[in-house]
Amino acid sequence: LRSEDFYLPFVEGMAGSRFTDDARRAGYEFELRMCRMNPYGSVAPDFGFRDIKGRTGSLHGVRADYTLLFFSNPGCNYCREIIEQIESRPYIDGMIADGTLAIVNIYIDGEIEKWKEYAPIYPDNWINAYDFAQVINSDQLYFVRAIPSIYLLDAEKRVIYKDAPLERVLRFFDNLTDYR
């Protein structure tokens, strides 16, 4: 399920139920640990990234009232649809320009040449980068259940939404009165 609000109680129940057989319990216990990672209100883990021009930065170094953390892959059709939907909101560019919003589009896999070939489709005013140290997966900083995955963070990088559907994130921005 894409909503941990609904999935977490289910997986807690299944992991702790005496009726769950041992073979399935291990899977539910893993899912439970992953669901508990980066809970709402917690500070999202920092990581370094490198952009197409070789510049480095870090998530916590991004200065904006809100940061949309977008895990994507080259060639992902749904990722491209998300980019188009975000770009279709006329106020997004203004939010990026005035520092209200930063979009960090991050590639977490190892095929960097493939990512570099695909990078021109990403909007120029986004931070489009890759996890050059490969720590997001190896250190289990984030559980990216599926690509694409979206997190919304506040100015202190606290988690507002985790692995959220795009519609939910866009509604959040639609409701900011300064940008209607």
N, C-alpha and C. Protein backbone atom coordinates (compact mmCIF):
# COMPACT_ATOMS: atom_id res chain seq x y z
N LEU A 1 0.84 -1.18 0.00
CA LEU A 1 0.00 0.00 0.00
C LEU A 1 0.88 1.24 0.00
N ARG A 2 0.45 2.29 -0.69
CA ARG A 2 1.23 3.52 -0.75
C ARG A 2 0.95 4.44 0.44
N SER A 3 0.00 4.13 1.29
CA SER A 3 -0.30 4.96 2.44
C SER A 3 0.08 4.23 3.72
N GLU A 4 1.15 4.69 4.34
CA GLU A 4 1.54 4.05 5.60
C GLU A 4 0.55 4.35 6.70
N ASP A 5 -0.26 5.39 6.55
CA ASP A 5 -1.31 5.65 7.52
C ASP A 5 -2.23 4.43 7.66
N PHE A 6 -2.48 3.77 6.55
CA PHE A 6 -3.34 2.59 6.55
C PHE A 6 -2.55 1.29 6.73
N TYR A 7 -1.35 1.25 6.17
CA TYR A 7 -0.57 0.02 6.16
C TYR A 7 0.08 -0.28 7.52
N LEU A 8 0.55 0.74 8.23
CA LEU A 8 1.26 0.52 9.48
C LEU A 8 0.42 -0.26 10.51
N PRO A 9 -0.82 0.12 10.76
CA PRO A 9 -1.60 -0.68 11.73
C PRO A 9 -1.79 -2.14 11.28
N PHE A 10 -1.94 -2.34 9.99
CA PHE A 10 -2.10 -3.69 9.48
C PHE A 10 -0.83 -4.52 9.73
N VAL A 11 0.32 -3.95 9.34
CA VAL A 11 1.56 -4.71 9.46
C VAL A 11 1.94 -4.90 10.94
N GLU A 12 1.60 -3.94 11.81
CA GLU A 12 1.82 -4.13 13.25
C GLU A 12 1.00 -5.31 13.76
N GLY A 13 -0.24 -5.37 13.32
CA GLY A 13 -1.11 -6.47 13.74
C GLY A 13 -0.63 -7.81 13.24
N MET A 14 -0.21 -7.85 11.97
CA MET A 14 0.24 -9.13 11.40
C MET A 14 1.56 -9.57 12.02
N ALA A 15 2.47 -8.64 12.28
CA ALA A 15 3.77 -9.00 12.88
C ALA A 15 3.60 -9.51 14.30
N GLY A 16 2.59 -9.00 15.02
CA GLY A 16 2.40 -9.39 16.41
C GLY A 16 1.35 -10.44 16.66
N SER A 17 0.69 -10.87 15.60
CA SER A 17 -0.39 -11.83 15.77
C SER A 17 0.12 -13.24 16.01
N ARG A 18 -0.51 -13.92 16.93
CA ARG A 18 -0.15 -15.33 17.16
C ARG A 18 -0.64 -16.21 16.01
N PHE A 19 -1.49 -15.68 15.15
CA PHE A 19 -2.01 -16.45 14.02
C PHE A 19 -1.14 -16.34 12.77
N THR A 20 -0.14 -15.46 12.79
CA THR A 20 0.78 -15.32 11.65
C THR A 20 1.84 -16.40 11.75
N ASP A 21 1.99 -17.18 10.67
CA ASP A 21 3.00 -18.24 10.71
C ASP A 21 4.40 -17.61 10.64
N ASP A 22 5.38 -18.34 11.14
CA ASP A 22 6.74 -17.82 11.27
C ASP A 22 7.34 -17.40 9.93
N ALA A 23 7.04 -18.12 8.89
CA ALA A 23 7.59 -17.79 7.58
C ALA A 23 7.13 -16.40 7.12
N ARG A 24 5.90 -16.06 7.38
CA ARG A 24 5.37 -14.74 6.99
C ARG A 24 5.71 -13.66 8.01
N ARG A 25 5.86 -14.05 9.27
CA ARG A 25 6.14 -13.08 10.33
C ARG A 25 7.41 -12.29 10.02
N ALA A 26 8.46 -12.96 9.55
CA ALA A 26 9.72 -12.27 9.25
C ALA A 26 9.49 -11.16 8.22
N GLY A 27 8.70 -11.43 7.23
CA GLY A 27 8.38 -10.41 6.22
C GLY A 27 7.62 -9.24 6.81
N TYR A 28 6.64 -9.53 7.66
CA TYR A 28 5.88 -8.47 8.30
C TYR A 28 6.75 -7.65 9.26
N GLU A 29 7.66 -8.33 9.95
CA GLU A 29 8.56 -7.62 10.86
C GLU A 29 9.48 -6.68 10.09
N PHE A 30 9.97 -7.12 8.92
CA PHE A 30 10.78 -6.26 8.06
C PHE A 30 9.96 -5.05 7.61
N GLU A 31 8.75 -5.30 7.12
CA GLU A 31 7.88 -4.20 6.68
C GLU A 31 7.61 -3.22 7.82
N LEU A 32 7.43 -3.75 9.02
CA LEU A 32 7.17 -2.91 10.19
C LEU A 32 8.37 -2.00 10.47
N ARG A 33 9.59 -2.56 10.42
CA ARG A 33 10.80 -1.74 10.62
C ARG A 33 10.89 -0.65 9.56
N MET A 34 10.59 -1.00 8.32
CA MET A 34 10.68 -0.02 7.24
C MET A 34 9.60 1.07 7.38
N CYS A 35 8.41 0.68 7.79
CA CYS A 35 7.34 1.67 7.97
C CYS A 35 7.66 2.63 9.10
N ARG A 36 8.37 2.16 10.09
CA ARG A 36 8.71 3.01 11.23
C ARG A 36 9.90 3.93 10.93
N MET A 37 10.56 3.71 9.80
CA MET A 37 11.69 4.53 9.41
C MET A 37 11.18 5.90 8.95
N ASN A 38 11.82 6.95 9.38
CA ASN A 38 11.47 8.33 8.98
C ASN A 38 10.00 8.65 9.23
N PRO A 39 9.52 8.51 10.44
CA PRO A 39 8.11 8.79 10.70
C PRO A 39 7.79 10.27 10.55
N TYR A 40 6.51 10.56 10.38
CA TYR A 40 6.06 11.94 10.27
C TYR A 40 6.60 12.75 11.44
N GLY A 41 7.10 13.94 11.15
CA GLY A 41 7.62 14.83 12.19
C GLY A 41 9.08 14.63 12.52
N SER A 42 9.67 13.52 12.09
CA SER A 42 11.09 13.29 12.35
C SER A 42 11.92 14.04 11.31
N VAL A 43 13.17 14.32 11.65
CA VAL A 43 14.07 14.96 10.70
C VAL A 43 14.56 13.90 9.72
N ALA A 44 14.39 14.20 8.44
CA ALA A 44 14.81 13.26 7.39
C ALA A 44 16.33 13.14 7.41
N PRO A 45 16.85 11.95 7.18
CA PRO A 45 18.30 11.76 7.17
C PRO A 45 18.97 12.58 6.06
N ASP A 46 20.12 13.13 6.39
CA ASP A 46 20.89 13.89 5.42
C ASP A 46 21.70 12.94 4.55
N PHE A 47 21.99 13.36 3.35
CA PHE A 47 22.86 12.61 2.44
C PHE A 47 23.44 13.60 1.45
N GLY A 48 24.58 13.22 0.89
CA GLY A 48 25.21 14.04 -0.14
C GLY A 48 24.72 13.64 -1.51
N PHE A 49 24.83 14.59 -2.44
CA PHE A 49 24.47 14.30 -3.83
C PHE A 49 25.38 15.06 -4.77
N ARG A 50 25.38 14.65 -6.02
CA ARG A 50 26.16 15.30 -7.08
C ARG A 50 25.23 15.53 -8.26
N ASP A 51 25.31 16.72 -8.84
CA ASP A 51 24.46 17.03 -9.98
C ASP A 51 25.18 16.74 -11.29
N ILE A 52 24.53 17.02 -12.39
CA ILE A 52 25.05 16.70 -13.73
C ILE A 52 26.35 17.44 -14.03
N LYS A 53 26.56 18.60 -13.40
CA LYS A 53 27.78 19.39 -13.62
C LYS A 53 28.89 19.02 -12.64
N GLY A 54 28.64 18.03 -11.80
CA GLY A 54 29.65 17.58 -10.85
C GLY A 54 29.65 18.33 -9.54
N ARG A 55 28.73 19.28 -9.36
CA ARG A 55 28.65 20.01 -8.11
C ARG A 55 28.04 19.11 -7.04
N THR A 56 28.54 19.25 -5.81
CA THR A 56 28.02 18.44 -4.72
C THR A 56 27.19 19.32 -3.77
N GLY A 57 26.31 18.68 -3.07
CA GLY A 57 25.47 19.33 -2.08
C GLY A 57 24.95 18.28 -1.13
N SER A 58 24.07 18.72 -0.24
CA SER A 58 23.45 17.77 0.68
C SER A 58 22.00 18.17 0.88
N LEU A 59 21.20 17.21 1.28
CA LEU A 59 19.79 17.49 1.50
C LEU A 59 19.61 18.58 2.55
N HIS A 60 20.33 18.49 3.65
CA HIS A 60 20.17 19.48 4.71
C HIS A 60 20.75 20.83 4.33
N GLY A 61 21.56 20.88 3.27
CA GLY A 61 22.09 22.13 2.77
C GLY A 61 21.12 22.87 1.87
N VAL A 62 20.04 22.23 1.48
CA VAL A 62 19.02 22.86 0.63
C VAL A 62 18.20 23.81 1.49
N ARG A 63 18.13 25.06 1.08
CA ARG A 63 17.40 26.08 1.85
C ARG A 63 16.09 26.41 1.16
N ALA A 64 15.00 26.06 1.80
CA ALA A 64 13.66 26.37 1.29
C ALA A 64 12.67 26.10 2.42
N ASP A 65 11.51 26.73 2.34
CA ASP A 65 10.46 26.48 3.33
C ASP A 65 9.98 25.03 3.26
N TYR A 66 9.95 24.50 2.04
CA TYR A 66 9.53 23.12 1.79
C TYR A 66 10.49 22.49 0.79
N THR A 67 10.78 21.22 1.02
CA THR A 67 11.60 20.45 0.07
C THR A 67 10.80 19.24 -0.36
N LEU A 68 10.62 19.11 -1.65
CA LEU A 68 9.99 17.92 -2.21
C LEU A 68 11.14 17.02 -2.64
N LEU A 69 11.27 15.89 -1.96
CA LEU A 69 12.31 14.91 -2.25
C LEU A 69 11.70 13.85 -3.16
N PHE A 70 12.20 13.77 -4.37
CA PHE A 70 11.62 12.94 -5.43
C PHE A 70 12.64 11.89 -5.85
N PHE A 71 12.39 10.64 -5.49
CA PHE A 71 13.24 9.53 -5.91
C PHE A 71 12.74 9.05 -7.27
N SER A 72 13.61 9.13 -8.29
CA SER A 72 13.18 8.75 -9.64
C SER A 72 14.27 7.94 -10.33
N ASN A 73 13.91 7.38 -11.47
CA ASN A 73 14.82 6.60 -12.29
C ASN A 73 14.72 7.03 -13.74
N PRO A 74 15.82 6.94 -14.48
CA PRO A 74 15.76 7.21 -15.92
C PRO A 74 14.81 6.24 -16.61
N GLY A 75 14.04 6.76 -17.53
CA GLY A 75 13.14 5.92 -18.30
C GLY A 75 11.86 5.54 -17.60
N CYS A 76 11.66 5.97 -16.39
CA CYS A 76 10.45 5.65 -15.63
C CYS A 76 9.30 6.51 -16.17
N ASN A 77 8.32 5.86 -16.78
CA ASN A 77 7.21 6.61 -17.37
C ASN A 77 6.39 7.33 -16.31
N TYR A 78 6.16 6.70 -15.17
CA TYR A 78 5.38 7.36 -14.13
C TYR A 78 6.15 8.55 -13.56
N CYS A 79 7.48 8.46 -13.50
CA CYS A 79 8.30 9.59 -13.05
C CYS A 79 8.10 10.78 -14.00
N ARG A 80 8.10 10.49 -15.27
CA ARG A 80 7.90 11.54 -16.27
C ARG A 80 6.51 12.18 -16.11
N GLU A 81 5.50 11.36 -15.86
CA GLU A 81 4.15 11.89 -15.62
C GLU A 81 4.13 12.80 -14.39
N ILE A 82 4.84 12.41 -13.35
CA ILE A 82 4.90 13.24 -12.14
C ILE A 82 5.55 14.58 -12.46
N ILE A 83 6.63 14.55 -13.21
CA ILE A 83 7.30 15.80 -13.60
C ILE A 83 6.32 16.69 -14.36
N GLU A 84 5.58 16.12 -15.30
CA GLU A 84 4.60 16.89 -16.07
C GLU A 84 3.50 17.46 -15.18
N GLN A 85 3.02 16.67 -14.23
CA GLN A 85 1.96 17.15 -13.34
C GLN A 85 2.46 18.28 -12.45
N ILE A 86 3.68 18.16 -11.95
CA ILE A 86 4.24 19.23 -11.12
C ILE A 86 4.40 20.49 -11.97
N GLU A 87 4.95 20.33 -13.16
CA GLU A 87 5.15 21.49 -14.04
C GLU A 87 3.83 22.12 -14.49
N SER A 88 2.74 21.36 -14.45
CA SER A 88 1.45 21.91 -14.89
C SER A 88 0.86 22.89 -13.88
N ARG A 89 1.39 22.91 -12.66
CA ARG A 89 0.94 23.86 -11.65
C ARG A 89 1.66 25.18 -11.91
N PRO A 90 0.94 26.22 -12.30
CA PRO A 90 1.59 27.48 -12.70
C PRO A 90 2.37 28.15 -11.57
N TYR A 91 2.03 27.87 -10.34
CA TYR A 91 2.68 28.55 -9.21
C TYR A 91 3.99 27.90 -8.78
N ILE A 92 4.27 26.68 -9.22
CA ILE A 92 5.45 25.95 -8.74
C ILE A 92 6.73 26.71 -9.06
N ASP A 93 6.87 27.21 -10.27
CA ASP A 93 8.10 27.93 -10.64
C ASP A 93 8.30 29.15 -9.74
N GLY A 94 7.22 29.85 -9.40
CA GLY A 94 7.32 31.00 -8.51
C GLY A 94 7.76 30.60 -7.11
N MET A 95 7.25 29.48 -6.64
CA MET A 95 7.63 28.99 -5.31
C MET A 95 9.12 28.62 -5.28
N ILE A 96 9.60 28.03 -6.37
CA ILE A 96 11.02 27.67 -6.45
C ILE A 96 11.86 28.95 -6.50
N ALA A 97 11.43 29.90 -7.32
CA ALA A 97 12.19 31.14 -7.50
C ALA A 97 12.32 31.93 -6.20
N ASP A 98 11.26 31.96 -5.39
CA ASP A 98 11.33 32.77 -4.16
C ASP A 98 11.80 31.99 -2.93
N GLY A 99 12.20 30.73 -3.12
CA GLY A 99 12.75 29.95 -2.02
C GLY A 99 11.73 29.27 -1.13
N THR A 100 10.48 29.31 -1.53
CA THR A 100 9.45 28.62 -0.76
C THR A 100 9.58 27.11 -0.96
N LEU A 101 9.96 26.70 -2.15
CA LEU A 101 10.03 25.28 -2.49
C LEU A 101 11.34 24.96 -3.18
N ALA A 102 11.91 23.82 -2.82
CA ALA A 102 13.03 23.23 -3.56
C ALA A 102 12.61 21.82 -3.91
N ILE A 103 12.86 21.43 -5.13
CA ILE A 103 12.59 20.06 -5.55
C ILE A 103 13.92 19.38 -5.76
N VAL A 104 14.16 18.33 -4.98
CA VAL A 104 15.39 17.55 -5.07
C VAL A 104 15.02 16.22 -5.70
N ASN A 105 15.38 16.10 -6.96
CA ASN A 105 15.13 14.89 -7.74
C ASN A 105 16.40 14.05 -7.63
N ILE A 106 16.30 12.90 -6.97
CA ILE A 106 17.50 12.12 -6.66
C ILE A 106 17.42 10.72 -7.27
N TYR A 107 18.52 10.31 -7.88
CA TYR A 107 18.66 8.98 -8.45
C TYR A 107 19.52 8.17 -7.48
N ILE A 108 19.02 7.00 -7.06
CA ILE A 108 19.71 6.24 -6.01
C ILE A 108 20.36 4.95 -6.48
N ASP A 109 20.28 4.66 -7.77
CA ASP A 109 20.89 3.44 -8.27
C ASP A 109 22.26 3.75 -8.86
N GLY A 110 22.95 2.74 -9.36
CA GLY A 110 24.34 2.89 -9.75
C GLY A 110 24.63 3.15 -11.21
N GLU A 111 23.65 3.16 -12.07
CA GLU A 111 23.91 3.34 -13.50
C GLU A 111 23.95 4.84 -13.83
N ILE A 112 25.05 5.48 -13.43
CA ILE A 112 25.15 6.94 -13.53
C ILE A 112 25.16 7.41 -14.98
N GLU A 113 25.80 6.67 -15.87
CA GLU A 113 25.81 7.08 -17.29
C GLU A 113 24.40 7.09 -17.86
N LYS A 114 23.61 6.12 -17.50
CA LYS A 114 22.21 6.08 -17.92
C LYS A 114 21.46 7.30 -17.38
N TRP A 115 21.71 7.64 -16.11
CA TRP A 115 21.08 8.81 -15.50
C TRP A 115 21.51 10.09 -16.23
N LYS A 116 22.79 10.21 -16.54
CA LYS A 116 23.30 11.41 -17.23
C LYS A 116 22.65 11.58 -18.60
N GLU A 117 22.42 10.48 -19.30
CA GLU A 117 21.75 10.55 -20.62
C GLU A 117 20.32 11.05 -20.48
N TYR A 118 19.67 10.70 -19.40
CA TYR A 118 18.27 11.03 -19.18
C TYR A 118 18.08 12.40 -18.53
N ALA A 119 19.13 12.93 -17.90
CA ALA A 119 19.04 14.15 -17.11
C ALA A 119 18.43 15.36 -17.84
N PRO A 120 18.60 15.54 -19.14
CA PRO A 120 18.02 16.72 -19.79
C PRO A 120 16.50 16.82 -19.71
N ILE A 121 15.79 15.75 -19.40
CA ILE A 121 14.33 15.86 -19.31
C ILE A 121 13.88 16.48 -17.99
N TYR A 122 14.79 16.57 -17.01
CA TYR A 122 14.43 17.13 -15.72
C TYR A 122 14.43 18.66 -15.80
N PRO A 123 13.48 19.31 -15.14
CA PRO A 123 13.42 20.78 -15.16
C PRO A 123 14.70 21.41 -14.59
N ASP A 124 15.16 22.48 -15.23
CA ASP A 124 16.41 23.16 -14.85
C ASP A 124 16.36 23.79 -13.47
N ASN A 125 15.17 24.16 -13.00
CA ASN A 125 15.12 24.83 -11.70
C ASN A 125 14.95 23.85 -10.53
N TRP A 126 15.04 22.57 -10.81
CA TRP A 126 15.06 21.54 -9.78
C TRP A 126 16.52 21.19 -9.48
N ILE A 127 16.76 20.62 -8.32
CA ILE A 127 18.07 20.04 -8.03
C ILE A 127 17.98 18.60 -8.51
N ASN A 128 18.66 18.32 -9.60
CA ASN A 128 18.64 16.99 -10.22
C ASN A 128 20.00 16.35 -9.98
N ALA A 129 20.02 15.32 -9.16
CA ALA A 129 21.29 14.78 -8.72
C ALA A 129 21.20 13.28 -8.48
N TYR A 130 22.35 12.70 -8.14
CA TYR A 130 22.38 11.28 -7.81
C TYR A 130 23.15 11.09 -6.51
N ASP A 131 22.88 9.99 -5.88
CA ASP A 131 23.51 9.61 -4.62
C ASP A 131 24.89 9.03 -4.95
N PHE A 132 25.89 9.90 -5.06
CA PHE A 132 27.22 9.46 -5.51
C PHE A 132 27.89 8.51 -4.53
N ALA A 133 27.60 8.59 -3.25
CA ALA A 133 28.19 7.71 -2.25
C ALA A 133 27.39 6.42 -2.07
N GLN A 134 26.20 6.36 -2.70
CA GLN A 134 25.34 5.18 -2.62
C GLN A 134 24.98 4.82 -1.18
N VAL A 135 24.73 5.85 -0.34
CA VAL A 135 24.42 5.60 1.07
C VAL A 135 22.92 5.47 1.34
N ILE A 136 22.10 6.00 0.46
CA ILE A 136 20.66 5.95 0.72
C ILE A 136 20.20 4.51 0.86
N ASN A 137 20.64 3.66 -0.06
CA ASN A 137 20.28 2.24 0.03
C ASN A 137 21.17 1.46 0.99
N SER A 138 22.49 1.65 0.87
CA SER A 138 23.40 0.83 1.68
C SER A 138 23.25 1.08 3.18
N ASP A 139 23.00 2.33 3.58
CA ASP A 139 22.83 2.65 5.00
C ASP A 139 21.36 2.68 5.42
N GLN A 140 20.49 2.30 4.50
CA GLN A 140 19.04 2.29 4.74
C GLN A 140 18.56 3.60 5.35
N LEU A 141 18.94 4.72 4.69
CA LEU A 141 18.48 6.03 5.14
C LEU A 141 17.00 6.23 4.86
N TYR A 142 16.57 5.70 3.72
CA TYR A 142 15.17 5.77 3.30
C TYR A 142 14.79 4.40 2.77
N PHE A 143 13.57 4.00 2.99
CA PHE A 143 13.07 2.78 2.39
C PHE A 143 12.25 3.19 1.18
N VAL A 144 12.88 3.09 0.03
CA VAL A 144 12.21 3.44 -1.21
C VAL A 144 11.57 2.17 -1.73
N ARG A 145 10.31 2.01 -1.35
CA ARG A 145 9.56 0.80 -1.65
C ARG A 145 9.38 0.63 -3.16
N ALA A 146 9.17 1.74 -3.84
CA ALA A 146 8.97 1.71 -5.29
C ALA A 146 9.39 3.06 -5.84
N ILE A 147 9.77 3.05 -7.10
CA ILE A 147 10.08 4.29 -7.82
C ILE A 147 8.89 4.59 -8.70
N PRO A 148 8.40 5.80 -8.68
CA PRO A 148 8.87 6.96 -7.94
C PRO A 148 8.38 6.95 -6.50
N SER A 149 9.07 7.72 -5.69
CA SER A 149 8.68 7.90 -4.30
C SER A 149 8.89 9.37 -3.94
N ILE A 150 7.94 9.93 -3.19
CA ILE A 150 7.97 11.35 -2.88
C ILE A 150 7.87 11.56 -1.37
N TYR A 151 8.74 12.41 -0.86
CA TYR A 151 8.69 12.89 0.52
C TYR A 151 8.49 14.40 0.46
N LEU A 152 7.74 14.94 1.38
CA LEU A 152 7.63 16.38 1.53
C LEU A 152 8.19 16.73 2.90
N LEU A 153 9.14 17.67 2.91
CA LEU A 153 9.83 18.07 4.13
C LEU A 153 9.61 19.55 4.39
N ASP A 154 9.65 19.94 5.66
CA ASP A 154 9.54 21.36 5.98
C ASP A 154 10.93 22.01 5.97
N ALA A 155 11.03 23.25 6.41
CA ALA A 155 12.29 24.00 6.35
C ALA A 155 13.39 23.35 7.19
N GLU A 156 13.02 22.66 8.26
CA GLU A 156 14.01 21.98 9.10
C GLU A 156 14.23 20.54 8.66
N LYS A 157 13.67 20.19 7.52
CA LYS A 157 13.77 18.85 6.92
C LYS A 157 13.04 17.79 7.74
N ARG A 158 11.99 18.22 8.44
CA ARG A 158 11.11 17.26 9.12
C ARG A 158 10.13 16.71 8.10
N VAL A 159 9.80 15.45 8.26
CA VAL A 159 8.92 14.75 7.33
C VAL A 159 7.47 15.21 7.54
N ILE A 160 6.90 15.77 6.47
CA ILE A 160 5.47 16.11 6.46
C ILE A 160 4.70 14.96 5.83
N TYR A 161 5.16 14.51 4.66
CA TYR A 161 4.58 13.35 3.97
C TYR A 161 5.72 12.42 3.60
N LYS A 162 5.44 11.14 3.68
CA LYS A 162 6.43 10.10 3.40
C LYS A 162 5.85 9.15 2.36
N ASP A 163 6.59 8.94 1.28
CA ASP A 163 6.14 8.05 0.20
C ASP A 163 4.69 8.37 -0.16
N ALA A 164 4.44 9.66 -0.34
CA ALA A 164 3.08 10.15 -0.54
C ALA A 164 2.67 10.13 -2.01
N PRO A 165 1.40 9.91 -2.26
CA PRO A 165 0.91 10.06 -3.63
C PRO A 165 1.05 11.53 -4.05
N LEU A 166 1.40 11.76 -5.30
CA LEU A 166 1.60 13.11 -5.80
C LEU A 166 0.38 13.99 -5.58
N GLU A 167 -0.81 13.43 -5.76
CA GLU A 167 -2.03 14.23 -5.60
C GLU A 167 -2.10 14.85 -4.21
N ARG A 168 -1.69 14.11 -3.21
CA ARG A 168 -1.72 14.61 -1.82
C ARG A 168 -0.74 15.77 -1.65
N VAL A 169 0.44 15.64 -2.22
CA VAL A 169 1.45 16.70 -2.13
C VAL A 169 0.99 17.94 -2.89
N LEU A 170 0.44 17.74 -4.08
CA LEU A 170 -0.02 18.89 -4.87
C LEU A 170 -1.19 19.60 -4.18
N ARG A 171 -2.07 18.84 -3.53
CA ARG A 171 -3.16 19.46 -2.77
C ARG A 171 -2.60 20.34 -1.64
N PHE A 172 -1.54 19.87 -1.01
CA PHE A 172 -0.89 20.65 0.04
C PHE A 172 -0.47 22.01 -0.52
N PHE A 173 0.19 22.00 -1.68
CA PHE A 173 0.64 23.25 -2.28
C PHE A 173 -0.52 24.06 -2.85
N ASP A 174 -1.52 23.39 -3.39
CA ASP A 174 -2.70 24.10 -3.88
C ASP A 174 -3.36 24.91 -2.78
N ASN A 175 -3.27 24.42 -1.55
CA ASN A 175 -3.94 25.06 -0.42
C ASN A 175 -3.11 26.16 0.24
N LEU A 176 -1.88 26.36 -0.18
CA LEU A 176 -1.11 27.49 0.35
C LEU A 176 -1.68 28.76 -0.26
N THR A 177 -2.25 29.60 0.54
CA THR A 177 -3.02 30.75 0.05
C THR A 177 -2.18 31.72 -0.78
N ASP A 178 -0.89 31.85 -0.51
CA ASP A 178 -0.07 32.81 -1.25
C ASP A 178 0.15 32.40 -2.70
N TYR A 179 -0.15 31.16 -3.05
CA TYR A 179 0.20 30.66 -4.37
C TYR A 179 -0.98 30.21 -5.19
N ARG A 180 -2.17 30.58 -4.83
CA ARG A 180 -3.34 30.18 -5.63
C ARG A 180 -3.41 30.97 -6.90
